[in-house]
Amino acid sequence: MTTTYNYGDNTIEFFLFNQNEVDSIIAKLEDNYMASSHSYSNPKGDLAANINLRIGPVAITLPVLLELCSQGYVLRTDRYCSVDATGTLDVTVRKPSAMIQEDIRAIRAVALEQYEAERYKRNAEETERQIAITLERIQREEDARAETAKAKALEKAKAQALADLREAYSE
């Protein structure tokens, strides 16, 4: 899903698109993806380059492992591999390169969408902050004008009162 963010009407674009920021998000998401595993028995959820096979005894898990290997999955010997006391085989396999590349394309699209959403949010917040600053400045200017007008009115009233007193006591 791609969301279009409109600048100019209610939100000003203070923070322009920055490919370095996008690349940083992509790198972080790709690193997480490559390091992550999800369970073979519950593959839903976040994307992961690795699948943890812990589905039962060796007799059940081994055929699944062999089928996955025939599909291009690779046994991760650098990850935890064991058979526990109940005979349950626990291994991790990495997805085939084509699947990983497809997932990475999806990750990059997600990264760009996250970046654009965050950038729009930052721009909207900065727009509100700038509006508040402008309103405060306008209020200070109006207060200063009101104080100046009040001081002038008071000075004029004093001058009139003094003129009235001079006239009243000059006779």
C-alpha atoms as a PDB file:
ATOM      1  CA  MET A   1       0.000   0.000   0.000  1.00  0.00           C
ATOM      2  CA  THR A   2       1.400   3.365  -1.006  1.00  0.00           C
ATOM      3  CA  THR A   3       0.150   6.489   0.693  1.00  0.00           C
ATOM      4  CA  THR A   4       0.485   9.846  -1.019  1.00  0.00           C
ATOM      5  CA  TYR A   5       1.448  12.709   1.256  1.00  0.00           C
ATOM      6  CA  ASN A   6       0.399  16.171   0.082  1.00  0.00           C
ATOM      7  CA  TYR A   7       2.518  19.122   1.025  1.00  0.00           C
ATOM      8  CA  GLY A   8       1.624  22.755   0.559  1.00  0.00           C
ATOM      9  CA  ASP A   9      -1.984  22.972   1.734  1.00  0.00           C
ATOM     10  CA  ASN A  10      -1.867  22.195   5.454  1.00  0.00           C
ATOM     11  CA  THR A  11       1.665  20.889   5.791  1.00  0.00           C
ATOM     12  CA  ILE A  12       4.844  22.592   4.640  1.00  0.00           C
ATOM     13  CA  GLU A  13       7.788  20.471   3.515  1.00  0.00           C
ATOM     14  CA  PHE A  14      10.549  21.650   5.857  1.00  0.00           C
ATOM     15  CA  PHE A  15      12.356  18.288   5.810  1.00  0.00           C
ATOM     16  CA  LEU A  16      13.091  17.352   2.212  1.00  0.00           C
ATOM     17  CA  PHE A  17      13.497  13.795   0.943  1.00  0.00           C
ATOM     18  CA  ASN A  18      16.874  12.405   1.989  1.00  0.00           C
ATOM     19  CA  GLN A  19      18.032   9.205   0.290  1.00  0.00           C
ATOM     20  CA  ASN A  20      20.686   8.650   2.996  1.00  0.00           C
ATOM     21  CA  GLU A  21      17.952   8.450   5.641  1.00  0.00           C
ATOM     22  CA  VAL A  22      15.996   5.968   3.490  1.00  0.00           C
ATOM     23  CA  ASP A  23      19.133   3.892   2.940  1.00  0.00           C
ATOM     24  CA  SER A  24      19.747   3.821   6.688  1.00  0.00           C
ATOM     25  CA  ILE A  25      16.229   2.512   7.353  1.00  0.00           C
ATOM     26  CA  ILE A  26      16.607  -0.067   4.565  1.00  0.00           C
ATOM     27  CA  ALA A  27      19.952  -1.251   5.962  1.00  0.00           C
ATOM     28  CA  LYS A  28      18.477  -1.639   9.445  1.00  0.00           C
ATOM     29  CA  LEU A  29      15.433  -3.562   8.175  1.00  0.00           C
ATOM     30  CA  GLU A  30      17.557  -5.772   5.921  1.00  0.00           C
ATOM     31  CA  ASP A  31      19.956  -6.549   8.781  1.00  0.00           C
ATOM     32  CA  ASN A  32      17.009  -7.485  10.985  1.00  0.00           C
ATOM     33  CA  TYR A  33      15.572  -9.608   8.191  1.00  0.00           C
ATOM     34  CA  MET A  34      18.820 -11.482   7.575  1.00  0.00           C
ATOM     35  CA  ALA A  35      19.310 -12.150  11.300  1.00  0.00           C
ATOM     36  CA  SER A  36      15.683 -13.129  11.996  1.00  0.00           C
ATOM     37  CA  SER A  37      14.067 -16.532  12.048  1.00  0.00           C
ATOM     38  CA  HIS A  38      10.465 -17.572  12.128  1.00  0.00           C
ATOM     39  CA  SER A  39       9.013 -20.911  13.006  1.00  0.00           C
ATOM     40  CA  TYR A  40       8.238 -23.372  10.256  1.00  0.00           C
ATOM     41  CA  SER A  41       5.001 -24.289  12.002  1.00  0.00           C
ATOM     42  CA  ASN A  42       3.962 -20.616  12.273  1.00  0.00           C
ATOM     43  CA  PRO A  43       5.355 -18.752   9.233  1.00  0.00           C
ATOM     44  CA  LYS A  44       3.013 -15.768   9.560  1.00  0.00           C
ATOM     45  CA  GLY A  45       4.335 -12.491  10.843  1.00  0.00           C
ATOM     46  CA  ASP A  46       7.466 -10.514  10.079  1.00  0.00           C
ATOM     47  CA  LEU A  47       9.625 -11.463   7.146  1.00  0.00           C
ATOM     48  CA  ALA A  48      12.713 -13.495   8.027  1.00  0.00           C
ATOM     49  CA  ALA A  49      15.501 -14.998   5.934  1.00  0.00           C
ATOM     50  CA  ASN A  50      15.691 -18.006   8.215  1.00  0.00           C
ATOM     51  CA  ILE A  51      13.217 -20.669   9.235  1.00  0.00           C
ATOM     52  CA  ASN A  52      13.528 -22.616  12.451  1.00  0.00           C
ATOM     53  CA  LEU A  53      12.515 -26.257  12.055  1.00  0.00           C
ATOM     54  CA  ARG A  54      11.484 -27.654  15.404  1.00  0.00           C
ATOM     55  CA  ILE A  55       8.398 -29.602  14.480  1.00  0.00           C
ATOM     56  CA  GLY A  56       8.948 -32.979  16.082  1.00  0.00           C
ATOM     57  CA  PRO A  57      11.138 -36.053  16.152  1.00  0.00           C
ATOM     58  CA  VAL A  58      13.836 -36.608  13.557  1.00  0.00           C
ATOM     59  CA  ALA A  59      11.556 -39.005  11.624  1.00  0.00           C
ATOM     60  CA  ILE A  60       9.047 -36.162  11.106  1.00  0.00           C
ATOM     61  CA  THR A  61      11.460 -33.248  10.715  1.00  0.00           C
ATOM     62  CA  LEU A  62      14.032 -34.894   8.428  1.00  0.00           C
ATOM     63  CA  PRO A  63      11.680 -35.373   5.423  1.00  0.00           C
ATOM     64  CA  VAL A  64      10.563 -31.730   5.775  1.00  0.00           C
ATOM     65  CA  LEU A  65      14.204 -30.628   5.950  1.00  0.00           C
ATOM     66  CA  LEU A  66      15.106 -32.693   2.867  1.00  0.00           C
ATOM     67  CA  GLU A  67      12.129 -31.279   0.935  1.00  0.00           C
ATOM     68  CA  LEU A  68      13.101 -27.719   1.869  1.00  0.00           C
ATOM     69  CA  CYS A  69      16.717 -28.399   0.821  1.00  0.00           C
ATOM     70  CA  SER A  70      15.470 -29.715  -2.541  1.00  0.00           C
ATOM     71  CA  GLN A  71      13.613 -26.387  -2.961  1.00  0.00           C
ATOM     72  CA  GLY A  72      16.843 -24.438  -2.430  1.00  0.00           C
ATOM     73  CA  TYR A  73      16.765 -23.860   1.309  1.00  0.00           C
ATOM     74  CA  VAL A  74      20.200 -24.159   2.941  1.00  0.00           C
ATOM     75  CA  LEU A  75      20.928 -25.724   6.332  1.00  0.00           C
ATOM     76  CA  ARG A  76      22.444 -23.110   8.680  1.00  0.00           C
ATOM     77  CA  THR A  77      25.339 -24.891  10.374  1.00  0.00           C
ATOM     78  CA  ASP A  78      26.304 -21.626  12.076  1.00  0.00           C
ATOM     79  CA  ARG A  79      23.040 -21.706  14.007  1.00  0.00           C
ATOM     80  CA  TYR A  80      21.891 -23.955  16.809  1.00  0.00           C
ATOM     81  CA  CYS A  81      21.423 -27.560  15.648  1.00  0.00           C
ATOM     82  CA  SER A  82      20.442 -30.314  18.044  1.00  0.00           C
ATOM     83  CA  VAL A  83      18.303 -33.292  18.868  1.00  0.00           C
ATOM     84  CA  ASP A  84      16.831 -32.991  22.340  1.00  0.00           C
ATOM     85  CA  ALA A  85      16.041 -35.767  24.826  1.00  0.00           C
ATOM     86  CA  THR A  86      12.633 -36.381  23.222  1.00  0.00           C
ATOM     87  CA  GLY A  87      14.260 -36.853  19.801  1.00  0.00           C
ATOM     88  CA  THR A  88      13.051 -33.505  18.459  1.00  0.00           C
ATOM     89  CA  LEU A  89      15.317 -32.139  15.744  1.00  0.00           C
ATOM     90  CA  ASP A  90      15.965 -28.396  16.027  1.00  0.00           C
ATOM     91  CA  VAL A  91      17.678 -26.799  12.994  1.00  0.00           C
ATOM     92  CA  THR A  92      17.555 -23.555  11.040  1.00  0.00           C
ATOM     93  CA  VAL A  93      17.476 -23.181   7.253  1.00  0.00           C
ATOM     94  CA  ARG A  94      17.967 -20.093   5.110  1.00  0.00           C
ATOM     95  CA  LYS A  95      15.505 -19.311   2.336  1.00  0.00           C
ATOM     96  CA  PRO A  96      16.632 -19.604  -1.290  1.00  0.00           C
ATOM     97  CA  SER A  97      18.243 -16.485  -2.798  1.00  0.00           C
ATOM     98  CA  ALA A  98      15.266 -15.789  -5.071  1.00  0.00           C
ATOM     99  CA  MET A  99      12.897 -15.736  -2.077  1.00  0.00           C
ATOM    100  CA  ILE A 100      15.292 -13.551  -0.115  1.00  0.00           C
ATOM    101  CA  GLN A 101      15.545 -11.075  -3.020  1.00  0.00           C
ATOM    102  CA  GLU A 102      11.741 -10.957  -3.277  1.00  0.00           C
ATOM    103  CA  ASP A 103      11.474 -10.336   0.466  1.00  0.00           C
ATOM    104  CA  ILE A 104      14.134  -7.628   0.270  1.00  0.00           C
ATOM    105  CA  ARG A 105      12.161  -5.834  -2.457  1.00  0.00           C
ATOM    106  CA  ALA A 106       9.157  -5.885  -0.105  1.00  0.00           C
ATOM    107  CA  ILE A 107      11.337  -4.668   2.775  1.00  0.00           C
ATOM    108  CA  ARG A 108      12.606  -1.755   0.681  1.00  0.00           C
ATOM    109  CA  ALA A 109       9.052  -0.750  -0.202  1.00  0.00           C
ATOM    110  CA  VAL A 110       8.105  -0.903   3.496  1.00  0.00           C
ATOM    111  CA  ALA A 111      11.190   1.130   4.419  1.00  0.00           C
ATOM    112  CA  LEU A 112      10.308   3.838   1.912  1.00  0.00           C
ATOM    113  CA  GLU A 113       6.708   3.952   3.148  1.00  0.00           C
ATOM    114  CA  GLN A 114       7.879   4.160   6.785  1.00  0.00           C
ATOM    115  CA  TYR A 115      10.298   6.930   5.893  1.00  0.00           C
ATOM    116  CA  GLU A 116       7.681   8.952   3.988  1.00  0.00           C
ATOM    117  CA  ALA A 117       5.154   8.549   6.830  1.00  0.00           C
ATOM    118  CA  GLU A 118       7.708   9.630   9.443  1.00  0.00           C
ATOM    119  CA  ARG A 119       8.909  12.526   7.275  1.00  0.00           C
ATOM    120  CA  TYR A 120       5.332  13.721   6.764  1.00  0.00           C
ATOM    121  CA  LYS A 121       4.708  13.479  10.517  1.00  0.00           C
ATOM    122  CA  ARG A 122       7.880  15.504  11.230  1.00  0.00           C
ATOM    123  CA  ASN A 123       6.854  18.089   8.624  1.00  0.00           C
ATOM    124  CA  ALA A 124       3.321  18.323  10.066  1.00  0.00           C
ATOM    125  CA  GLU A 125       4.727  18.781  13.578  1.00  0.00           C
ATOM    126  CA  GLU A 126       7.191  21.413  12.343  1.00  0.00           C
ATOM    127  CA  THR A 127       4.371  23.189  10.491  1.00  0.00           C
ATOM    128  CA  GLU A 128       2.354  23.335  13.727  1.00  0.00           C
ATOM    129  CA  ARG A 129       5.413  24.520  15.656  1.00  0.00           C
ATOM    130  CA  GLN A 130       6.081  27.280  13.114  1.00  0.00           C
ATOM    131  CA  ILE A 131       2.413  28.335  13.189  1.00  0.00           C
ATOM    132  CA  ALA A 132       2.566  28.544  16.995  1.00  0.00           C
ATOM    133  CA  ILE A 133       5.745  30.641  16.806  1.00  0.00           C
ATOM    134  CA  THR A 134       4.100  32.979  14.282  1.00  0.00           C
ATOM    135  CA  LEU A 135       0.954  33.317  16.394  1.00  0.00           C
ATOM    136  CA  GLU A 136       3.036  34.092  19.500  1.00  0.00           C
ATOM    137  CA  ARG A 137       5.013  36.731  17.552  1.00  0.00           C
ATOM    138  CA  ILE A 138       1.787  38.315  16.259  1.00  0.00           C
ATOM    139  CA  GLN A 139       0.371  38.343  19.797  1.00  0.00           C
ATOM    140  CA  ARG A 140       3.545  39.995  21.145  1.00  0.00           C
ATOM    141  CA  GLU A 141       3.378  42.610  18.377  1.00  0.00           C
ATOM    142  CA  GLU A 142      -0.309  43.280  19.094  1.00  0.00           C
ATOM    143  CA  ASP A 143       0.420  43.507  22.830  1.00  0.00           C
ATOM    144  CA  ALA A 144       3.264  45.961  22.140  1.00  0.00           C
ATOM    145  CA  ARG A 145       0.996  48.080  19.900  1.00  0.00           C
ATOM    146  CA  ALA A 146      -1.720  48.019  22.569  1.00  0.00           C
ATOM    147  CA  GLU A 147       0.804  49.078  25.241  1.00  0.00           C
ATOM    148  CA  THR A 148       2.056  51.887  22.999  1.00  0.00           C
ATOM    149  CA  ALA A 149      -1.506  53.045  22.280  1.00  0.00           C
ATOM    150  CA  LYS A 150      -2.350  52.840  25.985  1.00  0.00           C
ATOM    151  CA  ALA A 151       0.752  54.859  26.904  1.00  0.00           C
ATOM    152  CA  LYS A 152      -0.103  57.480  24.229  1.00  0.00           C
ATOM    153  CA  ALA A 153      -3.708  57.640  25.433  1.00  0.00           C
ATOM    154  CA  LEU A 154      -2.521  58.043  29.024  1.00  0.00           C
ATOM    155  CA  GLU A 155      -0.049  60.751  27.984  1.00  0.00           C
ATOM    156  CA  LYS A 156      -2.789  62.535  26.051  1.00  0.00           C
ATOM    157  CA  ALA A 157      -5.160  62.249  29.025  1.00  0.00           C
ATOM    158  CA  LYS A 158      -2.466  63.636  31.337  1.00  0.00           C
ATOM    159  CA  ALA A 159      -1.810  66.521  28.958  1.00  0.00           C
ATOM    160  CA  GLN A 160      -5.538  67.253  28.750  1.00  0.00           C
ATOM    161  CA  ALA A 161      -5.898  67.064  32.536  1.00  0.00           C
ATOM    162  CA  LEU A 162      -2.952  69.395  32.961  1.00  0.00           C
ATOM    163  CA  ALA A 163      -4.413  71.782  30.364  1.00  0.00           C
ATOM    164  CA  ASP A 164      -7.764  71.674  32.178  1.00  0.00           C
ATOM    165  CA  LEU A 165      -6.079  72.420  35.516  1.00  0.00           C
ATOM    166  CA  ARG A 166      -4.109  75.320  34.029  1.00  0.00           C
ATOM    167  CA  GLU A 167      -7.247  76.779  32.593  1.00  0.00           C
ATOM    168  CA  ALA A 168      -9.223  76.303  35.799  1.00  0.00           C
ATOM    169  CA  TYR A 169      -6.568  77.891  38.023  1.00  0.00           C
ATOM    170  CA  SER A 170      -5.262  80.573  35.715  1.00  0.00           C
ATOM    171  CA  GLU A 171      -8.194  82.945  36.329  1.00  0.00           C
END
